[in-house]
Amino acid sequence: MYTRQYYEDDDGNGTTYEDKREHYWSSKVKPEDIVIFEGSASSEEIADDINYWKAKAAGKTVGWKR
Protein backbone atom coordinates (compact mmCIF):
# COMPACT_ATOMS: atom_id res chain seq x y z
CA MET A 1 0.00 0.00 0.00
CA TYR A 2 0.92 3.62 -0.26
CA THR A 3 1.44 6.12 2.53
CA ARG A 4 -0.74 9.19 2.68
CA GLN A 5 1.50 12.21 2.57
CA TYR A 6 1.07 15.90 3.19
CA TYR A 7 2.18 18.73 0.89
CA GLU A 8 2.15 22.37 1.97
CA ASP A 9 2.59 25.17 -0.55
CA ASP A 10 4.29 28.53 0.05
CA ASP A 11 1.00 30.08 1.22
CA GLY A 12 0.47 27.43 3.92
CA ASN A 13 -2.31 25.57 2.08
CA GLY A 14 -2.12 21.83 2.68
CA THR A 15 -2.96 18.88 0.43
CA THR A 16 -3.19 15.20 1.40
CA TYR A 17 -2.10 12.79 -1.34
CA GLU A 18 -0.64 9.39 -2.20
CA ASP A 19 2.31 8.84 -4.53
CA LYS A 20 2.04 5.58 -6.49
CA ARG A 21 5.80 5.69 -7.10
CA GLU A 22 6.91 6.31 -3.53
CA HIS A 23 8.79 2.98 -3.50
CA TYR A 24 10.52 3.70 -6.83
CA TRP A 25 12.68 6.71 -6.08
CA SER A 26 15.06 6.08 -8.97
CA SER A 27 12.39 7.15 -11.45
CA LYS A 28 10.73 10.52 -12.00
CA VAL A 29 7.30 11.05 -10.48
CA LYS A 30 4.64 11.96 -13.03
CA PRO A 31 1.42 13.85 -12.28
CA GLU A 32 -0.62 10.70 -13.06
CA ASP A 33 1.22 8.94 -10.19
CA ILE A 34 -0.28 11.36 -7.65
CA VAL A 35 -3.72 10.73 -6.13
CA ILE A 36 -5.10 13.77 -4.28
CA PHE A 37 -7.53 13.20 -1.42
CA GLU A 38 -7.98 16.67 -0.04
CA GLY A 39 -6.54 20.11 -0.72
CA SER A 40 -5.92 22.68 -3.41
CA ALA A 41 -2.54 21.65 -4.90
CA SER A 42 -2.48 20.07 -8.34
CA SER A 43 -0.84 16.74 -9.06
CA GLU A 44 1.58 18.57 -11.39
CA GLU A 45 2.67 20.88 -8.57
CA ILE A 46 3.27 17.98 -6.17
CA ALA A 47 5.13 15.88 -8.76
CA ASP A 48 7.38 18.86 -9.62
CA ASP A 49 8.14 19.40 -5.93
CA ILE A 50 8.96 15.73 -5.32
CA ASN A 51 11.26 15.60 -8.37
CA TYR A 52 12.97 18.85 -7.32
CA TRP A 53 13.82 17.57 -3.83
CA LYS A 54 14.83 14.15 -5.17
CA ALA A 55 17.32 15.84 -7.50
CA LYS A 56 18.68 18.04 -4.69
CA ALA A 57 19.13 15.01 -2.43
CA ALA A 58 21.05 13.26 -5.22
CA GLY A 59 23.43 16.23 -5.47
CA LYS A 60 22.20 17.38 -8.86
CA THR A 61 22.08 21.02 -9.83
CA VAL A 62 18.51 22.23 -10.00
CA GLY A 63 17.24 25.56 -11.27
CA TRP A 64 17.99 27.59 -14.33
CA LYS A 65 20.19 26.24 -17.07
CA ARG A 66 22.66 28.50 -18.78
C-alpha atoms as a PDB file:
ATOM      1  CA  MET A   1       0.000   0.000   0.000  1.00  0.00           C
ATOM      2  CA  TYR A   2       0.918   3.621  -0.261  1.00  0.00           C
ATOM      3  CA  THR A   3       1.443   6.116   2.528  1.00  0.00           C
ATOM      4  CA  ARG A   4      -0.736   9.191   2.680  1.00  0.00           C
ATOM      5  CA  GLN A   5       1.501  12.209   2.571  1.00  0.00           C
ATOM      6  CA  TYR A   6       1.073  15.898   3.188  1.00  0.00           C
ATOM      7  CA  TYR A   7       2.182  18.731   0.890  1.00  0.00           C
ATOM      8  CA  GLU A   8       2.147  22.368   1.965  1.00  0.00           C
ATOM      9  CA  ASP A   9       2.591  25.170  -0.552  1.00  0.00           C
ATOM     10  CA  ASP A  10       4.285  28.527   0.055  1.00  0.00           C
ATOM     11  CA  ASP A  11       0.998  30.081   1.221  1.00  0.00           C
ATOM     12  CA  GLY A  12       0.470  27.431   3.915  1.00  0.00           C
ATOM     13  CA  ASN A  13      -2.310  25.567   2.085  1.00  0.00           C
ATOM     14  CA  GLY A  14      -2.121  21.830   2.677  1.00  0.00           C
ATOM     15  CA  THR A  15      -2.958  18.878   0.434  1.00  0.00           C
ATOM     16  CA  THR A  16      -3.192  15.205   1.395  1.00  0.00           C
ATOM     17  CA  TYR A  17      -2.098  12.792  -1.341  1.00  0.00           C
ATOM     18  CA  GLU A  18      -0.636   9.391  -2.197  1.00  0.00           C
ATOM     19  CA  ASP A  19       2.307   8.838  -4.527  1.00  0.00           C
ATOM     20  CA  LYS A  20       2.041   5.582  -6.490  1.00  0.00           C
ATOM     21  CA  ARG A  21       5.804   5.690  -7.105  1.00  0.00           C
ATOM     22  CA  GLU A  22       6.912   6.315  -3.529  1.00  0.00           C
ATOM     23  CA  HIS A  23       8.787   2.983  -3.498  1.00  0.00           C
ATOM     24  CA  TYR A  24      10.525   3.697  -6.828  1.00  0.00           C
ATOM     25  CA  TRP A  25      12.678   6.713  -6.081  1.00  0.00           C
ATOM     26  CA  SER A  26      15.063   6.084  -8.972  1.00  0.00           C
ATOM     27  CA  SER A  27      12.385   7.154 -11.451  1.00  0.00           C
ATOM     28  CA  LYS A  28      10.726  10.519 -12.000  1.00  0.00           C
ATOM     29  CA  VAL A  29       7.305  11.053 -10.477  1.00  0.00           C
ATOM     30  CA  LYS A  30       4.639  11.959 -13.031  1.00  0.00           C
ATOM     31  CA  PRO A  31       1.417  13.848 -12.278  1.00  0.00           C
ATOM     32  CA  GLU A  32      -0.624  10.702 -13.056  1.00  0.00           C
ATOM     33  CA  ASP A  33       1.219   8.939 -10.194  1.00  0.00           C
ATOM     34  CA  ILE A  34      -0.282  11.358  -7.654  1.00  0.00           C
ATOM     35  CA  VAL A  35      -3.722  10.729  -6.126  1.00  0.00           C
ATOM     36  CA  ILE A  36      -5.095  13.770  -4.278  1.00  0.00           C
ATOM     37  CA  PHE A  37      -7.530  13.197  -1.424  1.00  0.00           C
ATOM     38  CA  GLU A  38      -7.979  16.666  -0.043  1.00  0.00           C
ATOM     39  CA  GLY A  39      -6.541  20.108  -0.724  1.00  0.00           C
ATOM     40  CA  SER A  40      -5.917  22.675  -3.407  1.00  0.00           C
ATOM     41  CA  ALA A  41      -2.539  21.652  -4.897  1.00  0.00           C
ATOM     42  CA  SER A  42      -2.476  20.073  -8.340  1.00  0.00           C
ATOM     43  CA  SER A  43      -0.845  16.739  -9.060  1.00  0.00           C
ATOM     44  CA  GLU A  44       1.577  18.569 -11.392  1.00  0.00           C
ATOM     45  CA  GLU A  45       2.667  20.880  -8.570  1.00  0.00           C
ATOM     46  CA  ILE A  46       3.267  17.985  -6.173  1.00  0.00           C
ATOM     47  CA  ALA A  47       5.133  15.878  -8.756  1.00  0.00           C
ATOM     48  CA  ASP A  48       7.379  18.855  -9.618  1.00  0.00           C
ATOM     49  CA  ASP A  49       8.143  19.400  -5.929  1.00  0.00           C
ATOM     50  CA  ILE A  50       8.962  15.726  -5.315  1.00  0.00           C
ATOM     51  CA  ASN A  51      11.256  15.602  -8.370  1.00  0.00           C
ATOM     52  CA  TYR A  52      12.969  18.847  -7.315  1.00  0.00           C
ATOM     53  CA  TRP A  53      13.817  17.565  -3.832  1.00  0.00           C
ATOM     54  CA  LYS A  54      14.830  14.152  -5.172  1.00  0.00           C
ATOM     55  CA  ALA A  55      17.322  15.840  -7.503  1.00  0.00           C
ATOM     56  CA  LYS A  56      18.683  18.042  -4.693  1.00  0.00           C
ATOM     57  CA  ALA A  57      19.130  15.007  -2.432  1.00  0.00           C
ATOM     58  CA  ALA A  58      21.048  13.257  -5.216  1.00  0.00           C
ATOM     59  CA  GLY A  59      23.428  16.227  -5.465  1.00  0.00           C
ATOM     60  CA  LYS A  60      22.203  17.375  -8.861  1.00  0.00           C
ATOM     61  CA  THR A  61      22.075  21.022  -9.831  1.00  0.00           C
ATOM     62  CA  VAL A  62      18.509  22.230 -10.004  1.00  0.00           C
ATOM     63  CA  GLY A  63      17.244  25.556 -11.273  1.00  0.00           C
ATOM     64  CA  TRP A  64      17.990  27.591 -14.334  1.00  0.00           C
ATOM     65  CA  LYS A  65      20.188  26.244 -17.068  1.00  0.00           C
ATOM     66  CA  ARG A  66      22.656  28.503 -18.784  1.00  0.00           C
END
